[in-house]
Amino acid sequence: MKTKINGKTYNTETAKLLGSYRVGSSFDSISYLSEDLYITRKKEFFIYYRGGMLSIYAKYNNDGFPRDGFGFKVLTPDEAFDWLKKHNRKDAIENYFSEKIK
């Protein structure tokens, strides 16, 4: 997947995947949630997310009914560090945030 945000291109095929988080067992689930954290060649972080109609990533039709949602969210380095810490991605923390390890 690829998108432009504030004039910058974010592409899941060319960025490096640092970690994934999933809730639910299938994309068919109405409460399914998926987040993939990436880093670009220019050291910028972003999440590609997907979610069922009852997830935090649901989108709403004009009639007000929810549907599955997906998209991109750009993260600051601090937000990316917090995401990696929350999801216990020690390998990525050591590789990209070694200065923050106590």
PDB file of N, CA and C in Angstrom:
ATOM      1  N   MET A   1       0.848  -1.179   0.000  1.00  0.00           N
ATOM      2  CA  MET A   1       0.000   0.000   0.000  1.00  0.00           C
ATOM      3  C   MET A   1       0.891   1.239   0.000  1.00  0.00           C
ATOM      4  N   LYS A   2       0.361   2.273  -0.594  1.00  0.00           N
ATOM      5  CA  LYS A   2       1.128   3.504  -0.723  1.00  0.00           C
ATOM      6  C   LYS A   2       0.184   4.692  -0.613  1.00  0.00           C
ATOM      7  N   THR A   3       0.679   5.769   0.036  1.00  0.00           N
ATOM      8  CA  THR A   3      -0.114   6.988   0.139  1.00  0.00           C
ATOM      9  C   THR A   3       0.820   8.183   0.256  1.00  0.00           C
ATOM     10  N   LYS A   4       0.255   9.374   0.068  1.00  0.00           N
ATOM     11  CA  LYS A   4       0.994  10.617   0.291  1.00  0.00           C
ATOM     12  C   LYS A   4       0.346  11.353   1.449  1.00  0.00           C
ATOM     13  N   ILE A   5       1.185  11.815   2.387  1.00  0.00           N
ATOM     14  CA  ILE A   5       0.721  12.607   3.517  1.00  0.00           C
ATOM     15  C   ILE A   5       1.645  13.813   3.620  1.00  0.00           C
ATOM     16  N   ASN A   6       1.069  14.995   3.565  1.00  0.00           N
ATOM     17  CA  ASN A   6       1.843  16.246   3.624  1.00  0.00           C
ATOM     18  C   ASN A   6       2.980  16.257   2.605  1.00  0.00           C
ATOM     19  N   GLY A   7       2.691  15.767   1.401  1.00  0.00           N
ATOM     20  CA  GLY A   7       3.659  15.788   0.312  1.00  0.00           C
ATOM     21  C   GLY A   7       4.712  14.691   0.362  1.00  0.00           C
ATOM     22  N   LYS A   8       4.668  13.832   1.355  1.00  0.00           N
ATOM     23  CA  LYS A   8       5.645  12.742   1.478  1.00  0.00           C
ATOM     24  C   LYS A   8       4.961  11.419   1.173  1.00  0.00           C
ATOM     25  N   THR A   9       5.681  10.529   0.487  1.00  0.00           N
ATOM     26  CA  THR A   9       5.146   9.221   0.129  1.00  0.00           C
ATOM     27  C   THR A   9       5.513   8.200   1.188  1.00  0.00           C
ATOM     28  N   TYR A  10       4.525   7.410   1.584  1.00  0.00           N
ATOM     29  CA  TYR A  10       4.713   6.309   2.534  1.00  0.00           C
ATOM     30  C   TYR A  10       4.265   5.035   1.831  1.00  0.00           C
ATOM     31  N   ASN A  11       5.175   4.048   1.757  1.00  0.00           N
ATOM     32  CA  ASN A  11       4.933   2.846   0.966  1.00  0.00           C
ATOM     33  C   ASN A  11       5.319   1.615   1.787  1.00  0.00           C
ATOM     34  N   THR A  12       4.369   0.731   2.008  1.00  0.00           N
ATOM     35  CA  THR A  12       4.653  -0.472   2.785  1.00  0.00           C
ATOM     36  C   THR A  12       5.570  -1.440   2.046  1.00  0.00           C
ATOM     37  N   GLU A  13       5.675  -1.315   0.731  1.00  0.00           N
ATOM     38  CA  GLU A  13       6.521  -2.235  -0.043  1.00  0.00           C
ATOM     39  C   GLU A  13       7.988  -1.823  -0.034  1.00  0.00           C
ATOM     40  N   THR A  14       8.281  -0.550   0.212  1.00  0.00           N
ATOM     41  CA  THR A  14       9.676  -0.104   0.207  1.00  0.00           C
ATOM     42  C   THR A  14      10.202   0.216   1.597  1.00  0.00           C
ATOM     43  N   ALA A  15       9.313   0.384   2.569  1.00  0.00           N
ATOM     44  CA  ALA A  15       9.733   0.646   3.951  1.00  0.00           C
ATOM     45  C   ALA A  15      10.017  -0.682   4.652  1.00  0.00           C
ATOM     46  N   LYS A  16      10.707  -0.585   5.790  1.00  0.00           N
ATOM     47  CA  LYS A  16      11.038  -1.785   6.564  1.00  0.00           C
ATOM     48  C   LYS A  16      10.016  -1.978   7.678  1.00  0.00           C
ATOM     49  N   LEU A  17       9.453  -3.177   7.759  1.00  0.00           N
ATOM     50  CA  LEU A  17       8.494  -3.521   8.802  1.00  0.00           C
ATOM     51  C   LEU A  17       9.239  -3.746  10.110  1.00  0.00           C
ATOM     52  N   LEU A  18       8.839  -2.998  11.157  1.00  0.00           N
ATOM     53  CA  LEU A  18       9.481  -3.131  12.462  1.00  0.00           C
ATOM     54  C   LEU A  18       8.677  -3.985  13.432  1.00  0.00           C
ATOM     55  N   GLY A  19       7.390  -4.071  13.239  1.00  0.00           N
ATOM     56  CA  GLY A  19       6.560  -4.862  14.126  1.00  0.00           C
ATOM     57  C   GLY A  19       5.105  -4.821  13.727  1.00  0.00           C
ATOM     58  N   SER A  20       4.376  -5.831  14.186  1.00  0.00           N
ATOM     59  CA  SER A  20       2.947  -5.939  13.894  1.00  0.00           C
ATOM     60  C   SER A  20       2.184  -6.209  15.173  1.00  0.00           C
ATOM     61  N   TYR A  21       0.933  -5.768  15.187  1.00  0.00           N
ATOM     62  CA  TYR A  21       0.037  -6.005  16.310  1.00  0.00           C
ATOM     63  C   TYR A  21      -1.312  -6.400  15.733  1.00  0.00           C
ATOM     64  N   ARG A  22      -1.897  -7.473  16.257  1.00  0.00           N
ATOM     65  CA  ARG A  22      -3.178  -7.968  15.764  1.00  0.00           C
ATOM     66  C   ARG A  22      -4.112  -8.264  16.937  1.00  0.00           C
ATOM     67  N   VAL A  23      -5.384  -7.972  16.746  1.00  0.00           N
ATOM     68  CA  VAL A  23      -6.441  -8.367  17.673  1.00  0.00           C
ATOM     69  C   VAL A  23      -7.492  -9.060  16.825  1.00  0.00           C
ATOM     70  N   GLY A  24      -7.864 -10.256  17.205  1.00  0.00           N
ATOM     71  CA  GLY A  24      -8.809 -11.040  16.411  1.00  0.00           C
ATOM     72  C   GLY A  24      -8.053 -11.985  15.508  1.00  0.00           C
ATOM     73  N   SER A  25      -8.766 -12.950  15.001  1.00  0.00           N
ATOM     74  CA  SER A  25      -8.101 -14.005  14.236  1.00  0.00           C
ATOM     75  C   SER A  25      -8.279 -13.903  12.731  1.00  0.00           C
ATOM     76  N   SER A  26      -9.109 -12.974  12.282  1.00  0.00           N
ATOM     77  CA  SER A  26      -9.415 -12.935  10.858  1.00  0.00           C
ATOM     78  C   SER A  26      -9.828 -11.531  10.423  1.00  0.00           C
ATOM     79  N   PHE A  27      -9.481 -11.186   9.190  1.00  0.00           N
ATOM     80  CA  PHE A  27      -9.918  -9.912   8.624  1.00  0.00           C
ATOM     81  C   PHE A  27     -11.443  -9.875   8.490  1.00  0.00           C
ATOM     82  N   ASP A  28     -12.086 -11.034   8.543  1.00  0.00           N
ATOM     83  CA  ASP A  28     -13.547 -11.095   8.432  1.00  0.00           C
ATOM     84  C   ASP A  28     -14.251 -10.705   9.720  1.00  0.00           C
ATOM     85  N   SER A  29     -13.533 -10.668  10.830  1.00  0.00           N
ATOM     86  CA  SER A  29     -14.127 -10.336  12.119  1.00  0.00           C
ATOM     87  C   SER A  29     -14.504  -8.855  12.164  1.00  0.00           C
ATOM     88  N   ILE A  30     -15.658  -8.541  12.727  1.00  0.00           N
ATOM     89  CA  ILE A  30     -16.092  -7.143  12.785  1.00  0.00           C
ATOM     90  C   ILE A  30     -15.291  -6.322  13.778  1.00  0.00           C
ATOM     91  N   SER A  31     -14.579  -6.992  14.691  1.00  0.00           N
ATOM     92  CA  SER A  31     -13.769  -6.263  15.674  1.00  0.00           C
ATOM     93  C   SER A  31     -12.270  -6.427  15.424  1.00  0.00           C
ATOM     94  N   TYR A  32     -11.906  -7.003  14.274  1.00  0.00           N
ATOM     95  CA  TYR A  32     -10.496  -7.217  13.944  1.00  0.00           C
ATOM     96  C   TYR A  32      -9.736  -5.895  13.918  1.00  0.00           C
ATOM     97  N   LEU A  33      -8.478  -5.936  14.372  1.00  0.00           N
ATOM     98  CA  LEU A  33      -7.623  -4.756  14.337  1.00  0.00           C
ATOM     99  C   LEU A  33      -6.210  -5.196  13.976  1.00  0.00           C
ATOM    100  N   SER A  34      -5.570  -4.450  13.115  1.00  0.00           N
ATOM    101  CA  SER A  34      -4.221  -4.760  12.665  1.00  0.00           C
ATOM    102  C   SER A  34      -3.425  -3.470  12.545  1.00  0.00           C
ATOM    103  N   GLU A  35      -2.212  -3.460  13.106  1.00  0.00           N
ATOM    104  CA  GLU A  35      -1.300  -2.325  12.960  1.00  0.00           C
ATOM    105  C   GLU A  35       0.077  -2.866  12.575  1.00  0.00           C
ATOM    106  N   ASP A  36       0.678  -2.271  11.568  1.00  0.00           N
ATOM    107  CA  ASP A  36       2.036  -2.600  11.147  1.00  0.00           C
ATOM    108  C   ASP A  36       2.867  -1.324  11.192  1.00  0.00           C
ATOM    109  N   LEU A  37       3.942  -1.348  11.976  1.00  0.00           N
ATOM    110  CA  LEU A  37       4.817  -0.185  12.102  1.00  0.00           C
ATOM    111  C   LEU A  37       5.993  -0.318  11.146  1.00  0.00           C
ATOM    112  N   TYR A  38       6.236   0.737  10.367  1.00  0.00           N
ATOM    113  CA  TYR A  38       7.311   0.759   9.364  1.00  0.00           C
ATOM    114  C   TYR A  38       8.236   1.937   9.603  1.00  0.00           C
ATOM    115  N   ILE A  39       9.457   1.811   9.064  1.00  0.00           N
ATOM    116  CA  ILE A  39      10.390   2.929   9.002  1.00  0.00           C
ATOM    117  C   ILE A  39      10.821   3.089   7.546  1.00  0.00           C
ATOM    118  N   THR A  40      10.852   4.330   7.074  1.00  0.00           N
ATOM    119  CA  THR A  40      11.252   4.604   5.694  1.00  0.00           C
ATOM    120  C   THR A  40      12.770   4.730   5.595  1.00  0.00           C
ATOM    121  N   ARG A  41      13.262   4.819   4.387  1.00  0.00           N
ATOM    122  CA  ARG A  41      14.700   5.021   4.159  1.00  0.00           C
ATOM    123  C   ARG A  41      15.180   6.341   4.749  1.00  0.00           C
ATOM    124  N   LYS A  42      14.261   7.298   4.876  1.00  0.00           N
ATOM    125  CA  LYS A  42      14.606   8.607   5.446  1.00  0.00           C
ATOM    126  C   LYS A  42      14.367   8.642   6.960  1.00  0.00           C
ATOM    127  N   LYS A  43      14.204   7.458   7.558  1.00  0.00           N
ATOM    128  CA  LYS A  43      14.053   7.299   9.012  1.00  0.00           C
ATOM    129  C   LYS A  43      12.776   7.951   9.553  1.00  0.00           C
ATOM    130  N   GLU A  44      11.706   7.867   8.774  1.00  0.00           N
ATOM    131  CA  GLU A  44      10.401   8.338   9.231  1.00  0.00           C
ATOM    132  C   GLU A  44       9.539   7.119   9.533  1.00  0.00           C
ATOM    133  N   PHE A  45       8.718   7.235  10.559  1.00  0.00           N
ATOM    134  CA  PHE A  45       7.906   6.118  11.017  1.00  0.00           C
ATOM    135  C   PHE A  45       6.449   6.312  10.622  1.00  0.00           C
ATOM    136  N   PHE A  46       5.797   5.189  10.292  1.00  0.00           N
ATOM    137  CA  PHE A  46       4.368   5.234  10.017  1.00  0.00           C
ATOM    138  C   PHE A  46       3.740   3.884  10.322  1.00  0.00           C
ATOM    139  N   ILE A  47       2.444   3.935  10.575  1.00  0.00           N
ATOM    140  CA  ILE A  47       1.653   2.722  10.792  1.00  0.00           C
ATOM    141  C   ILE A  47       0.673   2.584   9.640  1.00  0.00           C
ATOM    142  N   TYR A  48       0.587   1.362   9.115  1.00  0.00           N
ATOM    143  CA  TYR A  48      -0.507   1.009   8.220  1.00  0.00           C
ATOM    144  C   TYR A  48      -1.490   0.215   9.076  1.00  0.00           C
ATOM    145  N   TYR A  49      -2.741   0.668   9.128  1.00  0.00           N
ATOM    146  CA  TYR A  49      -3.720   0.017   9.993  1.00  0.00           C
ATOM    147  C   TYR A  49      -4.927  -0.471   9.201  1.00  0.00           C
ATOM    148  N   ARG A  50      -5.561  -1.490   9.771  1.00  0.00           N
ATOM    149  CA  ARG A  50      -6.825  -2.026   9.259  1.00  0.00           C
ATOM    150  C   ARG A  50      -7.692  -2.368  10.452  1.00  0.00           C
ATOM    151  N   GLY A  51      -8.985  -2.238  10.294  1.00  0.00           N
ATOM    152  CA  GLY A  51      -9.881  -2.609  11.380  1.00  0.00           C
ATOM    153  C   GLY A  51     -11.281  -2.899  10.902  1.00  0.00           C
ATOM    154  N   GLY A  52     -11.935  -3.803  11.613  1.00  0.00           N
ATOM    155  CA  GLY A  52     -13.316  -4.145  11.317  1.00  0.00           C
ATOM    156  C   GLY A  52     -14.263  -3.028  11.718  1.00  0.00           C
ATOM    157  N   MET A  53     -15.532  -3.211  11.404  1.00  0.00           N
ATOM    158  CA  MET A  53     -16.515  -2.146  11.618  1.00  0.00           C
ATOM    159  C   MET A  53     -16.772  -1.827  13.087  1.00  0.00           C
ATOM    160  N   LEU A  54     -16.317  -2.654  14.008  1.00  0.00           N
ATOM    161  CA  LEU A  54     -16.453  -2.354  15.433  1.00  0.00           C
ATOM    162  C   LEU A  54     -15.107  -2.033  16.083  1.00  0.00           C
ATOM    163  N   SER A  55     -14.085  -1.822  15.279  1.00  0.00           N
ATOM    164  CA  SER A  55     -12.760  -1.483  15.804  1.00  0.00           C
ATOM    165  C   SER A  55     -12.595   0.037  15.862  1.00  0.00           C
ATOM    166  N   ILE A  56     -11.489   0.468  16.448  1.00  0.00           N
ATOM    167  CA  ILE A  56     -11.199   1.908  16.501  1.00  0.00           C
ATOM    168  C   ILE A  56     -10.924   2.493  15.119  1.00  0.00           C
ATOM    169  N   TYR A  57     -10.669   1.640  14.127  1.00  0.00           N
ATOM    170  CA  TYR A  57     -10.361   2.109  12.780  1.00  0.00           C
ATOM    171  C   TYR A  57     -11.564   2.054  11.829  1.00  0.00           C
ATOM    172  N   ALA A  58     -12.747   1.817  12.367  1.00  0.00           N
ATOM    173  CA  ALA A  58     -13.944   1.793  11.525  1.00  0.00           C
ATOM    174  C   ALA A  58     -14.144   3.142  10.846  1.00  0.00           C
ATOM    175  N   LYS A  59     -14.658   3.120   9.661  1.00  0.00           N
ATOM    176  CA  LYS A  59     -15.069   4.322   8.925  1.00  0.00           C
ATOM    177  C   LYS A  59     -16.593   4.310   8.879  1.00  0.00           C
ATOM    178  N   TYR A  60     -17.182   5.444   8.592  1.00  0.00           N
ATOM    179  CA  TYR A  60     -18.644   5.527   8.590  1.00  0.00           C
ATOM    180  C   TYR A  60     -19.157   5.991   7.234  1.00  0.00           C
ATOM    181  N   ASN A  61     -20.171   5.285   6.759  1.00  0.00           N
ATOM    182  CA  ASN A  61     -20.836   5.654   5.513  1.00  0.00           C
ATOM    183  C   ASN A  61     -21.653   6.929   5.735  1.00  0.00           C
ATOM    184  N   ASN A  62     -22.134   7.512   4.656  1.00  0.00           N
ATOM    185  CA  ASN A  62     -22.974   8.714   4.751  1.00  0.00           C
ATOM    186  C   ASN A  62     -24.236   8.473   5.567  1.00  0.00           C
ATOM    187  N   ASP A  63     -24.706   7.218   5.612  1.00  0.00           N
ATOM    188  CA  ASP A  63     -25.908   6.899   6.378  1.00  0.00           C
ATOM    189  C   ASP A  63     -25.622   6.638   7.856  1.00  0.00           C
ATOM    190  N   GLY A  64     -24.335   6.784   8.257  1.00  0.00           N
ATOM    191  CA  GLY A  64     -23.972   6.626   9.654  1.00  0.00           C
ATOM    192  C   GLY A  64     -23.605   5.222  10.078  1.00  0.00           C
ATOM    193  N   PHE A  65     -23.701   4.263   9.160  1.00  0.00           N
ATOM    194  CA  PHE A  65     -23.360   2.885   9.503  1.00  0.00           C
ATOM    195  C   PHE A  65     -21.859   2.648   9.341  1.00  0.00           C
ATOM    196  N   PRO A  66     -21.268   1.886  10.270  1.00  0.00           N
ATOM    197  CA  PRO A  66     -19.824   1.636  10.197  1.00  0.00           C
ATOM    198  C   PRO A  66     -19.471   0.619   9.122  1.00  0.00           C
ATOM    199  N   ARG A  67     -18.241   0.716   8.667  1.00  0.00           N
ATOM    200  CA  ARG A  67     -17.669  -0.256   7.729  1.00  0.00           C
ATOM    201  C   ARG A  67     -16.198  -0.437   8.097  1.00  0.00           C
ATOM    202  N   ASP A  68     -15.565  -1.433   7.513  1.00  0.00           N
ATOM    203  CA  ASP A  68     -14.141  -1.654   7.757  1.00  0.00           C
ATOM    204  C   ASP A  68     -13.349  -0.418   7.354  1.00  0.00           C
ATOM    205  N   GLY A  69     -12.267  -0.172   8.058  1.00  0.00           N
ATOM    206  CA  GLY A  69     -11.424   0.972   7.744  1.00  0.00           C
ATOM    207  C   GLY A  69      -9.966   0.578   7.621  1.00  0.00           C
ATOM    208  N   PHE A  70      -9.217   1.382   6.904  1.00  0.00           N
ATOM    209  CA  PHE A  70      -7.776   1.175   6.761  1.00  0.00           C
ATOM    210  C   PHE A  70      -7.135   2.500   6.421  1.00  0.00           C
ATOM    211  N   GLY A  71      -5.826   2.595   6.649  1.00  0.00           N
ATOM    212  CA  GLY A  71      -5.134   3.821   6.304  1.00  0.00           C
ATOM    213  C   GLY A  71      -3.734   3.875   6.890  1.00  0.00           C
ATOM    214  N   PHE A  72      -3.173   5.062   6.838  1.00  0.00           N
ATOM    215  CA  PHE A  72      -1.817   5.320   7.295  1.00  0.00           C
ATOM    216  C   PHE A  72      -1.830   6.376   8.391  1.00  0.00           C
ATOM    217  N   LYS A  73      -0.896   6.256   9.311  1.00  0.00           N
ATOM    218  CA  LYS A  73      -0.715   7.273  10.342  1.00  0.00           C
ATOM    219  C   LYS A  73       0.786   7.490  10.527  1.00  0.00           C
ATOM    220  N   VAL A  74       1.231   8.731  10.366  1.00  0.00           N
ATOM    221  CA  VAL A  74       2.644   9.070  10.556  1.00  0.00           C
ATOM    222  C   VAL A  74       2.891   9.233  12.054  1.00  0.00           C
ATOM    223  N   LEU A  75       4.024   8.696  12.534  1.00  0.00           N
ATOM    224  CA  LEU A  75       4.392   8.782  13.940  1.00  0.00           C
ATOM    225  C   LEU A  75       5.684   9.561  14.113  1.00  0.00           C
ATOM    226  N   THR A  76       5.774  10.272  15.219  1.00  0.00           N
ATOM    227  CA  THR A  76       7.055  10.877  15.590  1.00  0.00           C
ATOM    228  C   THR A  76       7.963   9.753  16.100  1.00  0.00           C
ATOM    229  N   PRO A  77       9.265   9.997  16.184  1.00  0.00           N
ATOM    230  CA  PRO A  77      10.138   8.967  16.762  1.00  0.00           C
ATOM    231  C   PRO A  77       9.714   8.564  18.182  1.00  0.00           C
ATOM    232  N   ASP A  78       9.289   9.513  18.992  1.00  0.00           N
ATOM    233  CA  ASP A  78       8.836   9.179  20.341  1.00  0.00           C
ATOM    234  C   ASP A  78       7.587   8.298  20.324  1.00  0.00           C
ATOM    235  N   GLU A  79       6.661   8.588  19.430  1.00  0.00           N
ATOM    236  CA  GLU A  79       5.460   7.754  19.306  1.00  0.00           C
ATOM    237  C   GLU A  79       5.815   6.350  18.826  1.00  0.00           C
ATOM    238  N   ALA A  80       6.753   6.258  17.880  1.00  0.00           N
ATOM    239  CA  ALA A  80       7.188   4.941  17.390  1.00  0.00           C
ATOM    240  C   ALA A  80       7.859   4.154  18.513  1.00  0.00           C
ATOM    241  N   PHE A  81       8.708   4.812  19.296  1.00  0.00           N
ATOM    242  CA  PHE A  81       9.357   4.161  20.431  1.00  0.00           C
ATOM    243  C   PHE A  81       8.306   3.644  21.412  1.00  0.00           C
ATOM    244  N   ASP A  82       7.323   4.476  21.736  1.00  0.00           N
ATOM    245  CA  ASP A  82       6.266   4.065  22.661  1.00  0.00           C
ATOM    246  C   ASP A  82       5.479   2.872  22.116  1.00  0.00           C
ATOM    247  N   TRP A  83       5.189   2.875  20.807  1.00  0.00           N
ATOM    248  CA  TRP A  83       4.466   1.758  20.190  1.00  0.00           C
ATOM    249  C   TRP A  83       5.296   0.479  20.304  1.00  0.00           C
ATOM    250  N   LEU A  84       6.585   0.561  19.991  1.00  0.00           N
ATOM    251  CA  LEU A  84       7.456  -0.612  20.072  1.00  0.00           C
ATOM    252  C   LEU A  84       7.559  -1.130  21.505  1.00  0.00           C
ATOM    253  N   LYS A  85       7.643  -0.214  22.433  1.00  0.00           N
ATOM    254  CA  LYS A  85       7.723  -0.591  23.848  1.00  0.00           C
ATOM    255  C   LYS A  85       6.423  -1.263  24.288  1.00  0.00           C
ATOM    256  N   LYS A  86       5.301  -0.680  23.942  1.00  0.00           N
ATOM    257  CA  LYS A  86       3.990  -1.226  24.311  1.00  0.00           C
ATOM    258  C   LYS A  86       3.802  -2.638  23.775  1.00  0.00           C
ATOM    259  N   HIS A  87       4.331  -2.900  22.577  1.00  0.00           N
ATOM    260  CA  HIS A  87       4.138  -4.198  21.929  1.00  0.00           C
ATOM    261  C   HIS A  87       5.368  -5.104  22.052  1.00  0.00           C
ATOM    262  N   ASN A  88       6.259  -4.739  22.972  1.00  0.00           N
ATOM    263  CA  ASN A  88       7.390  -5.583  23.356  1.00  0.00           C
ATOM    264  C   ASN A  88       8.285  -5.978  22.172  1.00  0.00           C
ATOM    265  N   ARG A  89       8.603  -5.007  21.328  1.00  0.00           N
ATOM    266  CA  ARG A  89       9.469  -5.253  20.162  1.00  0.00           C
ATOM    267  C   ARG A  89      10.904  -4.858  20.502  1.00  0.00           C
ATOM    268  N   LYS A  90      11.521  -5.635  21.376  1.00  0.00           N
ATOM    269  CA  LYS A  90      12.859  -5.324  21.890  1.00  0.00           C
ATOM    270  C   LYS A  90      13.906  -5.243  20.786  1.00  0.00           C
ATOM    271  N   ASP A  91      13.789  -6.110  19.793  1.00  0.00           N
ATOM    272  CA  ASP A  91      14.760  -6.109  18.696  1.00  0.00           C
ATOM    273  C   ASP A  91      14.781  -4.768  17.966  1.00  0.00           C
ATOM    274  N   ALA A  92      13.612  -4.234  17.642  1.00  0.00           N
ATOM    275  CA  ALA A  92      13.535  -2.952  16.937  1.00  0.00           C
ATOM    276  C   ALA A  92      13.972  -1.803  17.836  1.00  0.00           C
ATOM    277  N   ILE A  93      13.654  -1.878  19.115  1.00  0.00           N
ATOM    278  CA  ILE A  93      14.091  -0.837  20.055  1.00  0.00           C
ATOM    279  C   ILE A  93      15.614  -0.807  20.115  1.00  0.00           C
ATOM    280  N   GLU A  94      16.234  -1.969  20.201  1.00  0.00           N
ATOM    281  CA  GLU A  94      17.700  -2.032  20.240  1.00  0.00           C
ATOM    282  C   GLU A  94      18.322  -1.492  18.960  1.00  0.00           C
ATOM    283  N   ASN A  95      17.700  -1.772  17.814  1.00  0.00           N
ATOM    284  CA  ASN A  95      18.251  -1.341  16.524  1.00  0.00           C
ATOM    285  C   ASN A  95      18.048   0.143  16.233  1.00  0.00           C
ATOM    286  N   TYR A  96      16.921   0.716  16.659  1.00  0.00           N
ATOM    287  CA  TYR A  96      16.585   2.086  16.265  1.00  0.00           C
ATOM    288  C   TYR A  96      16.543   3.086  17.415  1.00  0.00           C
ATOM    289  N   PHE A  97      16.520   2.594  18.648  1.00  0.00           N
ATOM    290  CA  PHE A  97      16.412   3.486  19.795  1.00  0.00           C
ATOM    291  C   PHE A  97      17.365   3.075  20.911  1.00  0.00           C
ATOM    292  N   SER A  98      18.546   2.633  20.560  1.00  0.00           N
ATOM    293  CA  SER A  98      19.491   2.141  21.575  1.00  0.00           C
ATOM    294  C   SER A  98      19.834   3.235  22.596  1.00  0.00           C
ATOM    295  N   GLU A  99      19.779   4.498  22.197  1.00  0.00           N
ATOM    296  CA  GLU A  99      20.091   5.593  23.114  1.00  0.00           C
ATOM    297  C   GLU A  99      19.023   5.764  24.201  1.00  0.00           C
ATOM    298  N   LYS A 100      17.838   5.172  24.007  1.00  0.00           N
ATOM    299  CA  LYS A 100      16.767   5.292  25.000  1.00  0.00           C
ATOM    300  C   LYS A 100      16.720   4.124  25.964  1.00  0.00           C
ATOM    301  N   ILE A 101      17.532   3.104  25.729  1.00  0.00           N
ATOM    302  CA  ILE A 101      17.537   1.938  26.610  1.00  0.00           C
ATOM    303  C   ILE A 101      18.276   2.282  27.886  1.00  0.00           C
ATOM    304  N   LYS A 102      17.616   2.018  28.997  1.00  0.00           N
ATOM    305  CA  LYS A 102      18.209   2.336  30.310  1.00  0.00           C
ATOM    306  C   LYS A 102      18.968   1.159  30.848  1.00  0.00           C
TER     307      LYS A 102
END
